[in-house]
Amino acid sequence: MTSLVPLAFSASLGLLVAGLASLLLGRREEHSSPSGGTRARVRPGSGIEDLLARSGRSDELTARSVSLARILGATVLPLLSLPVAGLLPGRAGLLLVAGMATSGFLAPNFILERAARRRLAKVVSSMPDALDLLSVQLASGRSIGAAMEDLARSGKGPLAIEMGIAADEMARGVSQATALRGLRRRTGGREIATFCSSVDRSRRLGSPLAVELRRQASAARIDQSRAVVERAARAAPKIQLVIALVLVPAVMLLVVAALVANSDRLIGFAFG
């Protein structure tokens, strides 16, 4: 175990230096949100800040706090694993220490990526209704910025919040293309990208946007229905696997237990 201590400290020190460098390079820009508060503005090319925006944690966390979490994870977890690593044979202890350091360094990103996927699922599920509402307002003669602002006021969830941010940016003088790029970057996903492309194409070419949004809403509902059917089809083999691995052995154990419990009677009946 004594040989592992210098190596563990060396690995932790290296990751500590890397984390400190990332921490010093982290910057946060803020702008006013529709509710009057502040919200982090995501800069192009900033991976941590993009991830924070997509996970919806920009109001709670900063790139510096994520970097600090990386530092703590990469430093503390290897040290905590030293007692167990010293009991392992050969190089297994070194692999454990290295694995714990890597896991601690990557854990914050993994948690944020999972939150981003869940948030994107909520955005996608609310897209058809949002597109229908936007198309109705556009058909009545309202601008896309005003329609998005009304959607943000009347709706709930991450899609309404992001639409409100984009509408607020356009109301404050930000160009529509820039606001849509920010919306796409903060949410991600094919559906939002298609929506932003349609709005930008309508602005440049003058094509009717309300008709296009209605078509996208119908396509989104079809895709969601297809996804539900696919999930149901994938669930059937899983249920069969559970039955084969859990329920059938459990029933067999009950039968065997009953046979063992009454074995004396069975033997007496057979040879009596």
C-alpha atoms as a PDB file:
ATOM      1  CA  MET A   1       0.000   0.000   0.000  1.00  0.00           C
ATOM      2  CA  THR A   2       2.880   2.365   0.683  1.00  0.00           C
ATOM      3  CA  SER A   3       3.894   2.216  -2.968  1.00  0.00           C
ATOM      4  CA  LEU A   4       0.432   3.299  -4.000  1.00  0.00           C
ATOM      5  CA  VAL A   5       0.472   6.459  -1.929  1.00  0.00           C
ATOM      6  CA  PRO A   6       3.021   8.422  -4.028  1.00  0.00           C
ATOM      7  CA  LEU A   7       1.392   7.304  -7.244  1.00  0.00           C
ATOM      8  CA  ALA A   8      -2.057   8.247  -6.019  1.00  0.00           C
ATOM      9  CA  PHE A   9      -0.852  11.649  -4.884  1.00  0.00           C
ATOM     10  CA  SER A  10       0.924  12.173  -8.224  1.00  0.00           C
ATOM     11  CA  ALA A  11      -2.199  11.304 -10.181  1.00  0.00           C
ATOM     12  CA  SER A  12      -4.347  13.488  -7.970  1.00  0.00           C
ATOM     13  CA  LEU A  13      -1.882  16.353  -8.276  1.00  0.00           C
ATOM     14  CA  GLY A  14      -1.896  16.133 -12.065  1.00  0.00           C
ATOM     15  CA  LEU A  15      -5.658  16.171 -12.231  1.00  0.00           C
ATOM     16  CA  LEU A  16      -5.688  18.979  -9.672  1.00  0.00           C
ATOM     17  CA  VAL A  17      -3.470  21.118 -11.908  1.00  0.00           C
ATOM     18  CA  ALA A  18      -5.644  20.336 -14.932  1.00  0.00           C
ATOM     19  CA  GLY A  19      -8.782  21.208 -13.006  1.00  0.00           C
ATOM     20  CA  LEU A  20      -7.301  24.461 -11.737  1.00  0.00           C
ATOM     21  CA  ALA A  21      -6.376  25.439 -15.274  1.00  0.00           C
ATOM     22  CA  SER A  22      -9.932  24.744 -16.402  1.00  0.00           C
ATOM     23  CA  LEU A  23     -11.219  26.651 -13.403  1.00  0.00           C
ATOM     24  CA  LEU A  24      -9.132  29.733 -14.172  1.00  0.00           C
ATOM     25  CA  LEU A  25     -10.212  29.677 -17.808  1.00  0.00           C
ATOM     26  CA  GLY A  26     -13.916  29.441 -16.920  1.00  0.00           C
ATOM     27  CA  ARG A  27     -15.848  32.637 -17.420  1.00  0.00           C
ATOM     28  CA  ARG A  28     -19.476  33.480 -17.045  1.00  0.00           C
ATOM     29  CA  GLU A  29     -21.416  36.145 -18.880  1.00  0.00           C
ATOM     30  CA  GLU A  30     -24.880  37.167 -17.760  1.00  0.00           C
ATOM     31  CA  HIS A  31     -27.804  38.888 -19.318  1.00  0.00           C
ATOM     32  CA  SER A  32     -31.295  39.724 -18.123  1.00  0.00           C
ATOM     33  CA  SER A  33     -33.914  36.993 -18.336  1.00  0.00           C
ATOM     34  CA  PRO A  34     -37.610  37.534 -19.149  1.00  0.00           C
ATOM     35  CA  SER A  35     -38.435  37.360 -15.446  1.00  0.00           C
ATOM     36  CA  GLY A  36     -36.048  40.197 -14.673  1.00  0.00           C
ATOM     37  CA  GLY A  37     -33.335  38.008 -13.171  1.00  0.00           C
ATOM     38  CA  THR A  38     -30.074  36.918 -14.689  1.00  0.00           C
ATOM     39  CA  ARG A  39     -29.178  33.967 -16.822  1.00  0.00           C
ATOM     40  CA  ALA A  40     -25.850  32.725 -18.117  1.00  0.00           C
ATOM     41  CA  ARG A  41     -25.201  33.513 -21.756  1.00  0.00           C
ATOM     42  CA  VAL A  42     -23.555  30.619 -23.519  1.00  0.00           C
ATOM     43  CA  ARG A  43     -20.506  31.456 -25.565  1.00  0.00           C
ATOM     44  CA  PRO A  44     -19.796  29.487 -28.740  1.00  0.00           C
ATOM     45  CA  GLY A  45     -17.115  26.897 -28.173  1.00  0.00           C
ATOM     46  CA  SER A  46     -17.475  26.784 -24.378  1.00  0.00           C
ATOM     47  CA  GLY A  47     -18.231  23.121 -23.727  1.00  0.00           C
ATOM     48  CA  ILE A  48     -19.014  23.374 -20.021  1.00  0.00           C
ATOM     49  CA  GLU A  49     -21.264  26.402 -20.429  1.00  0.00           C
ATOM     50  CA  ASP A  50     -23.056  24.787 -23.383  1.00  0.00           C
ATOM     51  CA  LEU A  51     -23.644  21.716 -21.238  1.00  0.00           C
ATOM     52  CA  LEU A  52     -24.927  23.834 -18.361  1.00  0.00           C
ATOM     53  CA  ALA A  53     -27.331  25.631 -20.687  1.00  0.00           C
ATOM     54  CA  ARG A  54     -28.654  22.409 -22.224  1.00  0.00           C
ATOM     55  CA  SER A  55     -29.154  20.874 -18.784  1.00  0.00           C
ATOM     56  CA  GLY A  56     -31.008  23.960 -17.535  1.00  0.00           C
ATOM     57  CA  ARG A  57     -28.538  24.568 -14.713  1.00  0.00           C
ATOM     58  CA  SER A  58     -27.118  27.907 -15.876  1.00  0.00           C
ATOM     59  CA  ASP A  59     -28.996  29.760 -13.139  1.00  0.00           C
ATOM     60  CA  GLU A  60     -27.664  27.455 -10.427  1.00  0.00           C
ATOM     61  CA  LEU A  61     -24.141  26.553 -11.544  1.00  0.00           C
ATOM     62  CA  THR A  62     -21.238  28.130 -13.386  1.00  0.00           C
ATOM     63  CA  ALA A  63     -18.342  26.717 -15.344  1.00  0.00           C
ATOM     64  CA  ARG A  64     -16.120  27.438 -12.348  1.00  0.00           C
ATOM     65  CA  SER A  65     -18.297  25.428  -9.991  1.00  0.00           C
ATOM     66  CA  VAL A  66     -18.262  22.468 -12.389  1.00  0.00           C
ATOM     67  CA  SER A  67     -14.481  22.721 -12.636  1.00  0.00           C
ATOM     68  CA  LEU A  68     -14.267  22.813  -8.857  1.00  0.00           C
ATOM     69  CA  ALA A  69     -16.409  19.680  -8.657  1.00  0.00           C
ATOM     70  CA  ARG A  70     -14.032  17.995 -11.104  1.00  0.00           C
ATOM     71  CA  ILE A  71     -11.065  18.953  -8.957  1.00  0.00           C
ATOM     72  CA  LEU A  72     -12.653  17.623  -5.786  1.00  0.00           C
ATOM     73  CA  GLY A  73     -13.778  14.402  -7.434  1.00  0.00           C
ATOM     74  CA  ALA A  74     -10.409  13.713  -9.049  1.00  0.00           C
ATOM     75  CA  THR A  75      -8.546  14.449  -5.800  1.00  0.00           C
ATOM     76  CA  VAL A  76     -10.736  13.045  -3.035  1.00  0.00           C
ATOM     77  CA  LEU A  77     -11.962   9.789  -4.593  1.00  0.00           C
ATOM     78  CA  PRO A  78      -8.462   8.356  -5.275  1.00  0.00           C
ATOM     79  CA  LEU A  79      -7.416   9.125  -1.706  1.00  0.00           C
ATOM     80  CA  LEU A  80     -10.534   7.456  -0.320  1.00  0.00           C
ATOM     81  CA  SER A  81      -9.845   4.358  -2.419  1.00  0.00           C
ATOM     82  CA  LEU A  82      -6.314   3.866  -1.063  1.00  0.00           C
ATOM     83  CA  PRO A  83      -7.294   1.533   1.816  1.00  0.00           C
ATOM     84  CA  VAL A  84      -9.104  -0.785  -0.572  1.00  0.00           C
ATOM     85  CA  ALA A  85      -6.429  -0.463  -3.270  1.00  0.00           C
ATOM     86  CA  GLY A  86      -3.741  -1.577  -0.830  1.00  0.00           C
ATOM     87  CA  LEU A  87      -5.541  -4.881  -0.301  1.00  0.00           C
ATOM     88  CA  LEU A  88      -5.766  -5.715  -4.009  1.00  0.00           C
ATOM     89  CA  PRO A  89      -3.079  -7.881  -5.637  1.00  0.00           C
ATOM     90  CA  GLY A  90      -0.653  -6.711  -8.305  1.00  0.00           C
ATOM     91  CA  ARG A  91      -1.630  -3.710 -10.377  1.00  0.00           C
ATOM     92  CA  ALA A  92      -5.295  -3.947  -9.495  1.00  0.00           C
ATOM     93  CA  GLY A  93      -4.775  -1.305  -6.819  1.00  0.00           C
ATOM     94  CA  LEU A  94      -3.253   1.117  -9.313  1.00  0.00           C
ATOM     95  CA  LEU A  95      -6.120   0.503 -11.712  1.00  0.00           C
ATOM     96  CA  LEU A  96      -8.613   1.173  -8.931  1.00  0.00           C
ATOM     97  CA  VAL A  97      -6.945   4.458  -7.985  1.00  0.00           C
ATOM     98  CA  ALA A  98      -6.740   5.565 -11.623  1.00  0.00           C
ATOM     99  CA  GLY A  99     -10.350   4.548 -12.227  1.00  0.00           C
ATOM    100  CA  MET A 100     -11.569   6.466  -9.198  1.00  0.00           C
ATOM    101  CA  ALA A 101      -9.646   9.561 -10.278  1.00  0.00           C
ATOM    102  CA  THR A 102     -11.090   9.372 -13.779  1.00  0.00           C
ATOM    103  CA  SER A 103     -14.593   8.725 -12.465  1.00  0.00           C
ATOM    104  CA  GLY A 104     -14.394  11.656 -10.075  1.00  0.00           C
ATOM    105  CA  PHE A 105     -13.202  13.954 -12.852  1.00  0.00           C
ATOM    106  CA  LEU A 106     -15.909  12.901 -15.319  1.00  0.00           C
ATOM    107  CA  ALA A 107     -18.825  12.497 -12.891  1.00  0.00           C
ATOM    108  CA  PRO A 108     -20.024  16.153 -13.100  1.00  0.00           C
ATOM    109  CA  ASN A 109     -20.160  15.970 -16.897  1.00  0.00           C
ATOM    110  CA  PHE A 110     -22.047  12.679 -16.747  1.00  0.00           C
ATOM    111  CA  ILE A 111     -24.639  14.118 -14.359  1.00  0.00           C
ATOM    112  CA  LEU A 112     -25.110  17.231 -16.502  1.00  0.00           C
ATOM    113  CA  GLU A 113     -25.398  15.191 -19.709  1.00  0.00           C
ATOM    114  CA  ARG A 114     -28.095  13.070 -18.124  1.00  0.00           C
ATOM    115  CA  ALA A 115     -29.983  16.184 -17.032  1.00  0.00           C
ATOM    116  CA  ALA A 116     -29.613  17.620 -20.553  1.00  0.00           C
ATOM    117  CA  ARG A 117     -31.093  14.474 -22.115  1.00  0.00           C
ATOM    118  CA  ARG A 118     -34.066  14.576 -19.763  1.00  0.00           C
ATOM    119  CA  ARG A 119     -34.620  18.255 -20.460  1.00  0.00           C
ATOM    120  CA  LEU A 120     -34.422  17.685 -24.211  1.00  0.00           C
ATOM    121  CA  ALA A 121     -37.037  14.934 -23.901  1.00  0.00           C
ATOM    122  CA  LYS A 122     -39.390  17.434 -22.224  1.00  0.00           C
ATOM    123  CA  VAL A 123     -38.707  19.975 -24.972  1.00  0.00           C
ATOM    124  CA  VAL A 124     -39.421  17.458 -27.728  1.00  0.00           C
ATOM    125  CA  SER A 125     -42.641  16.241 -26.077  1.00  0.00           C
ATOM    126  CA  SER A 126     -44.020  19.789 -25.925  1.00  0.00           C
ATOM    127  CA  MET A 127     -42.981  20.779 -29.455  1.00  0.00           C
ATOM    128  CA  PRO A 128     -46.170  19.775 -31.365  1.00  0.00           C
ATOM    129  CA  ASP A 129     -48.514  21.864 -29.207  1.00  0.00           C
ATOM    130  CA  ALA A 130     -46.081  24.779 -29.186  1.00  0.00           C
ATOM    131  CA  LEU A 131     -45.756  24.712 -32.979  1.00  0.00           C
ATOM    132  CA  ASP A 132     -49.551  24.669 -33.367  1.00  0.00           C
ATOM    133  CA  LEU A 133     -49.918  27.694 -31.091  1.00  0.00           C
ATOM    134  CA  LEU A 134     -47.185  29.560 -32.934  1.00  0.00           C
ATOM    135  CA  SER A 135     -48.740  28.797 -36.327  1.00  0.00           C
ATOM    136  CA  VAL A 136     -52.151  30.093 -35.186  1.00  0.00           C
ATOM    137  CA  GLN A 137     -50.647  33.360 -33.954  1.00  0.00           C
ATOM    138  CA  LEU A 138     -48.534  33.786 -37.094  1.00  0.00           C
ATOM    139  CA  ALA A 139     -51.606  33.198 -39.259  1.00  0.00           C
ATOM    140  CA  SER A 140     -53.352  36.020 -37.387  1.00  0.00           C
ATOM    141  CA  GLY A 141     -50.578  38.420 -38.407  1.00  0.00           C
ATOM    142  CA  ARG A 142     -48.345  38.460 -35.329  1.00  0.00           C
ATOM    143  CA  SER A 143     -44.569  38.421 -35.605  1.00  0.00           C
ATOM    144  CA  ILE A 144     -42.527  35.409 -34.593  1.00  0.00           C
ATOM    145  CA  GLY A 145     -41.035  37.305 -31.650  1.00  0.00           C
ATOM    146  CA  ALA A 146     -44.447  38.277 -30.270  1.00  0.00           C
ATOM    147  CA  ALA A 147     -45.775  34.756 -30.818  1.00  0.00           C
ATOM    148  CA  MET A 148     -42.825  33.250 -28.938  1.00  0.00           C
ATOM    149  CA  GLU A 149     -43.308  35.745 -26.115  1.00  0.00           C
ATOM    150  CA  ASP A 150     -46.996  34.801 -25.771  1.00  0.00           C
ATOM    151  CA  LEU A 151     -46.042  31.137 -25.782  1.00  0.00           C
ATOM    152  CA  ALA A 152     -43.543  31.755 -22.987  1.00  0.00           C
ATOM    153  CA  ARG A 153     -46.151  33.576 -20.902  1.00  0.00           C
ATOM    154  CA  SER A 154     -48.879  30.974 -21.304  1.00  0.00           C
ATOM    155  CA  GLY A 155     -46.754  27.831 -21.382  1.00  0.00           C
ATOM    156  CA  LYS A 156     -44.713  25.887 -18.872  1.00  0.00           C
ATOM    157  CA  GLY A 157     -41.583  23.812 -19.034  1.00  0.00           C
ATOM    158  CA  PRO A 158     -38.133  24.270 -20.570  1.00  0.00           C
ATOM    159  CA  LEU A 159     -39.401  24.973 -24.087  1.00  0.00           C
ATOM    160  CA  ALA A 160     -41.507  27.923 -22.904  1.00  0.00           C
ATOM    161  CA  ILE A 161     -38.560  29.243 -20.900  1.00  0.00           C
ATOM    162  CA  GLU A 162     -36.173  29.081 -23.857  1.00  0.00           C
ATOM    163  CA  MET A 163     -38.732  30.610 -26.213  1.00  0.00           C
ATOM    164  CA  GLY A 164     -39.148  33.457 -23.753  1.00  0.00           C
ATOM    165  CA  ILE A 165     -35.392  34.043 -23.620  1.00  0.00           C
ATOM    166  CA  ALA A 166     -35.170  34.180 -27.417  1.00  0.00           C
ATOM    167  CA  ALA A 167     -38.178  36.523 -27.628  1.00  0.00           C
ATOM    168  CA  ASP A 168     -36.683  38.756 -24.947  1.00  0.00           C
ATOM    169  CA  GLU A 169     -33.403  38.956 -26.858  1.00  0.00           C
ATOM    170  CA  MET A 170     -35.185  39.965 -30.051  1.00  0.00           C
ATOM    171  CA  ALA A 171     -37.193  42.586 -28.151  1.00  0.00           C
ATOM    172  CA  ARG A 172     -33.941  44.057 -26.808  1.00  0.00           C
ATOM    173  CA  GLY A 173     -32.495  44.494 -30.297  1.00  0.00           C
ATOM    174  CA  VAL A 174     -30.658  41.211 -30.834  1.00  0.00           C
ATOM    175  CA  SER A 175     -30.986  40.023 -34.406  1.00  0.00           C
ATOM    176  CA  GLN A 176     -33.395  37.195 -35.061  1.00  0.00           C
ATOM    177  CA  ALA A 177     -30.656  34.969 -36.457  1.00  0.00           C
ATOM    178  CA  THR A 178     -28.508  35.445 -33.341  1.00  0.00           C
ATOM    179  CA  ALA A 179     -31.448  34.782 -31.002  1.00  0.00           C
ATOM    180  CA  LEU A 180     -32.324  31.603 -32.888  1.00  0.00           C
ATOM    181  CA  ARG A 181     -28.720  30.412 -32.771  1.00  0.00           C
ATOM    182  CA  GLY A 182     -28.773  30.896 -29.017  1.00  0.00           C
ATOM    183  CA  LEU A 183     -32.072  28.986 -28.760  1.00  0.00           C
ATOM    184  CA  ARG A 184     -30.623  26.116 -30.766  1.00  0.00           C
ATOM    185  CA  ARG A 185     -27.440  26.050 -28.705  1.00  0.00           C
ATOM    186  CA  ARG A 186     -29.243  26.125 -25.355  1.00  0.00           C
ATOM    187  CA  THR A 187     -31.632  23.293 -26.176  1.00  0.00           C
ATOM    188  CA  GLY A 188     -30.105  21.088 -28.845  1.00  0.00           C
ATOM    189  CA  GLY A 189     -32.057  18.427 -30.659  1.00  0.00           C
ATOM    190  CA  ARG A 190     -33.193  17.967 -34.225  1.00  0.00           C
ATOM    191  CA  GLU A 191     -36.673  19.389 -33.643  1.00  0.00           C
ATOM    192  CA  ILE A 192     -35.450  22.767 -32.399  1.00  0.00           C
ATOM    193  CA  ALA A 193     -32.867  22.915 -35.186  1.00  0.00           C
ATOM    194  CA  THR A 194     -35.614  22.325 -37.762  1.00  0.00           C
ATOM    195  CA  PHE A 195     -37.779  25.025 -36.180  1.00  0.00           C
ATOM    196  CA  CYS A 196     -34.957  27.570 -36.174  1.00  0.00           C
ATOM    197  CA  SER A 197     -34.072  26.746 -39.783  1.00  0.00           C
ATOM    198  CA  SER A 198     -37.685  27.228 -40.857  1.00  0.00           C
ATOM    199  CA  VAL A 199     -37.932  30.609 -39.116  1.00  0.00           C
ATOM    200  CA  ASP A 200     -34.657  31.762 -40.654  1.00  0.00           C
ATOM    201  CA  ARG A 201     -35.657  30.534 -44.114  1.00  0.00           C
ATOM    202  CA  SER A 202     -39.002  32.325 -43.845  1.00  0.00           C
ATOM    203  CA  ARG A 203     -37.217  35.526 -42.878  1.00  0.00           C
ATOM    204  CA  ARG A 204     -34.834  35.326 -45.822  1.00  0.00           C
ATOM    205  CA  LEU A 205     -37.178  34.016 -48.521  1.00  0.00           C
ATOM    206  CA  GLY A 206     -40.569  35.225 -47.349  1.00  0.00           C
ATOM    207  CA  SER A 207     -42.129  31.750 -47.327  1.00  0.00           C
ATOM    208  CA  PRO A 208     -45.307  31.259 -45.233  1.00  0.00           C
ATOM    209  CA  LEU A 209     -44.081  30.199 -41.808  1.00  0.00           C
ATOM    210  CA  ALA A 210     -47.478  29.285 -40.324  1.00  0.00           C
ATOM    211  CA  VAL A 211     -48.033  26.529 -42.875  1.00  0.00           C
ATOM    212  CA  GLU A 212     -44.542  25.143 -42.312  1.00  0.00           C
ATOM    213  CA  LEU A 213     -45.003  25.074 -38.530  1.00  0.00           C
ATOM    214  CA  ARG A 214     -48.304  23.217 -38.862  1.00  0.00           C
ATOM    215  CA  ARG A 215     -46.583  20.659 -41.050  1.00  0.00           C
ATOM    216  CA  GLN A 216     -43.781  20.286 -38.499  1.00  0.00           C
ATOM    217  CA  ALA A 217     -46.298  19.843 -35.680  1.00  0.00           C
ATOM    218  CA  SER A 218     -48.009  17.014 -37.576  1.00  0.00           C
ATOM    219  CA  ALA A 219     -44.666  15.371 -38.336  1.00  0.00           C
ATOM    220  CA  ALA A 220     -43.613  15.695 -34.688  1.00  0.00           C
ATOM    221  CA  ARG A 221     -46.786  13.964 -33.494  1.00  0.00           C
ATOM    222  CA  ILE A 222     -46.238  11.142 -35.974  1.00  0.00           C
ATOM    223  CA  ASP A 223     -42.658  10.737 -34.776  1.00  0.00           C
ATOM    224  CA  GLN A 224     -43.778  10.667 -31.144  1.00  0.00           C
ATOM    225  CA  SER A 225     -46.426   8.043 -31.899  1.00  0.00           C
ATOM    226  CA  ARG A 226     -43.850   5.950 -33.714  1.00  0.00           C
ATOM    227  CA  ALA A 227     -41.461   6.279 -30.770  1.00  0.00           C
ATOM    228  CA  VAL A 228     -44.176   5.061 -28.371  1.00  0.00           C
ATOM    229  CA  VAL A 229     -44.821   2.023 -30.562  1.00  0.00           C
ATOM    230  CA  GLU A 230     -41.101   1.274 -30.755  1.00  0.00           C
ATOM    231  CA  ARG A 231     -40.723   1.528 -26.976  1.00  0.00           C
ATOM    232  CA  ALA A 232     -43.650  -0.834 -26.517  1.00  0.00           C
ATOM    233  CA  ALA A 233     -42.101  -3.292 -28.968  1.00  0.00           C
ATOM    234  CA  ARG A 234     -38.787  -3.162 -27.111  1.00  0.00           C
ATOM    235  CA  ALA A 235     -40.546  -3.679 -23.793  1.00  0.00           C
ATOM    236  CA  ALA A 236     -42.005  -7.078 -24.770  1.00  0.00           C
ATOM    237  CA  PRO A 237     -38.651  -8.944 -24.925  1.00  0.00           C
ATOM    238  CA  LYS A 238     -37.611  -7.330 -21.637  1.00  0.00           C
ATOM    239  CA  ILE A 239     -40.776  -8.565 -19.959  1.00  0.00           C
ATOM    240  CA  GLN A 240     -40.189 -12.047 -21.341  1.00  0.00           C
ATOM    241  CA  LEU A 241     -36.626 -11.950 -20.077  1.00  0.00           C
ATOM    242  CA  VAL A 242     -37.808 -10.998 -16.588  1.00  0.00           C
ATOM    243  CA  ILE A 243     -40.327 -13.843 -16.654  1.00  0.00           C
ATOM    244  CA  ALA A 244     -37.678 -16.321 -17.800  1.00  0.00           C
ATOM    245  CA  LEU A 245     -35.008 -15.235 -15.326  1.00  0.00           C
ATOM    246  CA  VAL A 246     -37.100 -14.337 -12.269  1.00  0.00           C
ATOM    247  CA  LEU A 247     -40.644 -15.650 -12.252  1.00  0.00           C
ATOM    248  CA  VAL A 248     -40.015 -19.115 -13.701  1.00  0.00           C
ATOM    249  CA  PRO A 249     -37.110 -19.900 -11.321  1.00  0.00           C
ATOM    250  CA  ALA A 250     -39.184 -18.571  -8.420  1.00  0.00           C
ATOM    251  CA  VAL A 251     -42.058 -20.900  -9.279  1.00  0.00           C
ATOM    252  CA  MET A 252     -39.629 -23.800  -9.720  1.00  0.00           C
ATOM    253  CA  LEU A 253     -38.129 -23.077  -6.303  1.00  0.00           C
ATOM    254  CA  LEU A 254     -41.604 -23.217  -4.760  1.00  0.00           C
ATOM    255  CA  VAL A 255     -42.243 -26.570  -6.442  1.00  0.00           C
ATOM    256  CA  VAL A 256     -38.875 -27.930  -5.308  1.00  0.00           C
ATOM    257  CA  ALA A 257     -39.454 -26.652  -1.778  1.00  0.00           C
ATOM    258  CA  ALA A 258     -42.855 -28.352  -1.680  1.00  0.00           C
ATOM    259  CA  LEU A 259     -41.327 -31.601  -2.914  1.00  0.00           C
ATOM    260  CA  VAL A 260     -38.542 -31.472  -0.349  1.00  0.00           C
ATOM    261  CA  ALA A 261     -40.946 -30.674   2.473  1.00  0.00           C
ATOM    262  CA  ASN A 262     -43.117 -33.648   1.584  1.00  0.00           C
ATOM    263  CA  SER A 263     -40.360 -35.987   0.488  1.00  0.00           C
ATOM    264  CA  ASP A 264     -40.980 -38.459   3.327  1.00  0.00           C
ATOM    265  CA  ARG A 265     -44.606 -38.849   2.311  1.00  0.00           C
ATOM    266  CA  LEU A 266     -43.679 -39.244  -1.338  1.00  0.00           C
ATOM    267  CA  ILE A 267     -41.055 -41.852  -0.557  1.00  0.00           C
ATOM    268  CA  GLY A 268     -43.457 -43.703   1.745  1.00  0.00           C
ATOM    269  CA  PHE A 269     -46.143 -43.602  -0.924  1.00  0.00           C
ATOM    270  CA  ALA A 270     -43.734 -44.844  -3.591  1.00  0.00           C
ATOM    271  CA  PHE A 271     -42.338 -47.751  -1.603  1.00  0.00           C
ATOM    272  CA  GLY A 272     -45.305 -48.412   0.608  1.00  0.00           C
END
